[in-house]
């Protein structure tokens, strides 16, 4: 996605289409996408992830 507004528009449309499909596995994934919405949008804006932090074992 080129920018935040494009990413948000795409995700909103995709989530709506999945919910209309009534496919339970995809509907469960929509819940995951929504719970991580801000992180997804943040990545689109910055191209930075927290993957390195998640990979560190204490």
N, C-alpha and C. Protein backbone atom coordinates (compact mmCIF):
# COMPACT_ATOMS: atom_id res chain seq x y z
N UNK A 1 0.84 -1.17 0.00
CA UNK A 1 0.00 0.00 0.00
C UNK A 1 0.89 1.24 0.00
N UNK A 2 0.53 2.22 -0.77
CA UNK A 2 1.37 3.42 -0.88
C UNK A 2 1.28 4.36 0.33
N UNK A 3 0.12 4.37 1.03
CA UNK A 3 -0.03 5.30 2.14
C UNK A 3 -1.11 4.82 3.10
N UNK A 4 -1.23 5.53 4.23
CA UNK A 4 -2.16 5.16 5.29
C UNK A 4 -3.61 5.12 4.80
N UNK A 5 -4.04 6.12 4.08
CA UNK A 5 -5.44 6.17 3.66
C UNK A 5 -5.79 5.04 2.69
N UNK A 6 -4.86 4.70 1.81
CA UNK A 6 -5.08 3.57 0.89
C UNK A 6 -5.17 2.25 1.66
N UNK A 7 -4.29 2.09 2.63
CA UNK A 7 -4.30 0.86 3.43
C UNK A 7 -5.58 0.73 4.22
N UNK A 8 -6.02 1.81 4.85
CA UNK A 8 -7.25 1.76 5.63
C UNK A 8 -8.45 1.47 4.74
N UNK A 9 -8.51 2.09 3.58
CA UNK A 9 -9.62 1.85 2.66
C UNK A 9 -9.64 0.40 2.21
N UNK A 10 -8.46 -0.14 1.87
CA UNK A 10 -8.38 -1.53 1.44
C UNK A 10 -8.81 -2.47 2.55
N UNK A 11 -8.29 -2.27 3.76
CA UNK A 11 -8.64 -3.15 4.87
C UNK A 11 -10.12 -3.10 5.21
N UNK A 12 -10.69 -1.90 5.19
CA UNK A 12 -12.12 -1.77 5.47
C UNK A 12 -12.95 -2.52 4.44
N UNK A 13 -12.60 -2.36 3.17
CA UNK A 13 -13.35 -3.05 2.12
C UNK A 13 -13.16 -4.56 2.22
N UNK A 14 -11.94 -4.99 2.45
CA UNK A 14 -11.65 -6.42 2.55
C UNK A 14 -12.41 -7.04 3.72
N UNK A 15 -12.39 -6.38 4.87
CA UNK A 15 -13.10 -6.90 6.04
C UNK A 15 -14.60 -7.00 5.77
N UNK A 16 -15.16 -6.00 5.12
CA UNK A 16 -16.60 -6.01 4.81
C UNK A 16 -16.93 -7.16 3.86
N UNK A 17 -16.09 -7.37 2.85
CA UNK A 17 -16.35 -8.45 1.90
C UNK A 17 -16.25 -9.81 2.58
N UNK A 18 -15.29 -9.97 3.46
CA UNK A 18 -15.15 -11.25 4.17
C UNK A 18 -16.36 -11.48 5.07
N UNK A 19 -16.79 -10.46 5.78
CA UNK A 19 -17.96 -10.61 6.65
C UNK A 19 -19.21 -10.96 5.84
N UNK A 20 -19.34 -10.40 4.66
CA UNK A 20 -20.48 -10.72 3.79
C UNK A 20 -20.41 -12.14 3.27
N UNK A 21 -19.20 -12.69 3.17
CA UNK A 21 -19.05 -14.06 2.67
C UNK A 21 -19.53 -15.11 3.66
N UNK A 22 -19.49 -14.75 4.94
CA UNK A 22 -19.90 -15.66 6.02
C UNK A 22 -19.02 -16.91 6.13
N UNK A 23 -17.79 -16.86 5.63
CA UNK A 23 -16.86 -17.98 5.77
C UNK A 23 -16.22 -17.86 7.14
N UNK A 24 -16.49 -18.82 8.00
CA UNK A 24 -16.12 -18.68 9.41
C UNK A 24 -14.62 -18.53 9.63
N UNK A 25 -13.79 -19.26 8.92
CA UNK A 25 -12.34 -19.14 9.11
C UNK A 25 -11.85 -17.74 8.75
N UNK A 26 -12.39 -17.19 7.67
CA UNK A 26 -11.99 -15.84 7.28
C UNK A 26 -12.55 -14.80 8.24
N UNK A 27 -13.75 -15.03 8.75
CA UNK A 27 -14.33 -14.09 9.70
C UNK A 27 -13.50 -14.05 10.98
N UNK A 28 -12.96 -15.20 11.37
CA UNK A 28 -12.07 -15.24 12.53
C UNK A 28 -10.80 -14.43 12.24
N UNK A 29 -10.28 -14.54 11.01
CA UNK A 29 -9.10 -13.78 10.63
C UNK A 29 -9.38 -12.28 10.62
N UNK A 30 -10.58 -11.88 10.24
CA UNK A 30 -10.95 -10.46 10.28
C UNK A 30 -10.84 -9.93 11.70
N UNK A 31 -11.23 -10.72 12.67
CA UNK A 31 -11.10 -10.30 14.07
C UNK A 31 -9.63 -10.07 14.42
N UNK A 32 -8.76 -10.93 13.92
CA UNK A 32 -7.33 -10.77 14.15
C UNK A 32 -6.82 -9.51 13.48
N UNK A 33 -7.22 -9.29 12.25
CA UNK A 33 -6.80 -8.08 11.53
C UNK A 33 -7.25 -6.84 12.30
N UNK A 34 -8.48 -6.83 12.75
CA UNK A 34 -8.99 -5.66 13.48
C UNK A 34 -8.25 -5.45 14.80
N UNK A 35 -7.87 -6.54 15.46
CA UNK A 35 -7.15 -6.39 16.73
C UNK A 35 -5.73 -5.86 16.53
N UNK A 36 -5.20 -6.04 15.32
CA UNK A 36 -3.84 -5.57 15.00
C UNK A 36 -3.86 -4.38 14.04
N UNK A 37 -5.01 -3.77 13.87
CA UNK A 37 -5.22 -2.70 12.89
C UNK A 37 -4.15 -1.62 13.00
N UNK A 38 -3.93 -1.09 14.18
CA UNK A 38 -2.99 0.03 14.31
C UNK A 38 -1.57 -0.39 13.93
N UNK A 39 -1.17 -1.60 14.27
CA UNK A 39 0.15 -2.08 13.89
C UNK A 39 0.30 -2.25 12.39
N UNK A 40 -0.76 -2.72 11.73
CA UNK A 40 -0.73 -2.87 10.28
C UNK A 40 -0.58 -1.50 9.61
N UNK A 41 -1.37 -0.55 10.07
CA UNK A 41 -1.30 0.79 9.50
C UNK A 41 0.05 1.44 9.80
N UNK A 42 0.55 1.22 11.01
CA UNK A 42 1.86 1.77 11.38
C UNK A 42 2.95 1.23 10.45
N UNK A 43 2.89 -0.06 10.13
CA UNK A 43 3.87 -0.63 9.21
C UNK A 43 3.80 0.03 7.84
N UNK A 44 2.59 0.26 7.35
CA UNK A 44 2.42 0.90 6.04
C UNK A 44 3.08 2.29 6.04
N UNK A 45 2.93 2.99 7.15
CA UNK A 45 3.49 4.34 7.25
C UNK A 45 5.01 4.34 7.40
N UNK A 46 5.56 3.40 8.20
CA UNK A 46 6.98 3.48 8.56
C UNK A 46 7.85 2.37 7.98
N UNK A 47 7.25 1.27 7.55
CA UNK A 47 7.97 0.08 7.08
C UNK A 47 8.85 -0.52 8.19
N UNK A 48 8.49 -0.24 9.46
CA UNK A 48 9.20 -0.77 10.61
C UNK A 48 8.28 -1.75 11.33
N UNK A 49 8.83 -2.92 11.70
CA UNK A 49 8.06 -3.90 12.47
C UNK A 49 8.71 -4.09 13.83
N UNK A 50 8.01 -4.81 14.69
CA UNK A 50 8.58 -5.16 15.98
C UNK A 50 9.07 -6.61 15.96
N UNK A 51 9.29 -7.15 14.77
CA UNK A 51 9.72 -8.54 14.62
C UNK A 51 11.00 -8.86 15.36
N UNK A 52 11.95 -7.97 15.36
CA UNK A 52 13.21 -8.22 16.06
C UNK A 52 12.97 -8.35 17.56
N UNK A 53 12.06 -7.55 18.09
CA UNK A 53 11.75 -7.63 19.52
C UNK A 53 11.04 -8.93 19.85
N UNK A 54 10.15 -9.36 18.98
CA UNK A 54 9.44 -10.61 19.21
C UNK A 54 10.37 -11.82 19.13
N UNK A 55 11.47 -11.68 18.40
CA UNK A 55 12.40 -12.78 18.25
C UNK A 55 13.40 -12.91 19.39
N UNK A 56 13.47 -11.90 20.24
CA UNK A 56 14.42 -11.94 21.36
C UNK A 56 13.84 -12.76 22.50
N UNK A 57 14.58 -13.74 22.93
CA UNK A 57 14.15 -14.56 24.08
C UNK A 57 14.94 -14.12 25.29
N UNK A 58 14.23 -13.89 26.37
CA UNK A 58 14.90 -13.48 27.61
C UNK A 58 15.21 -14.66 28.50
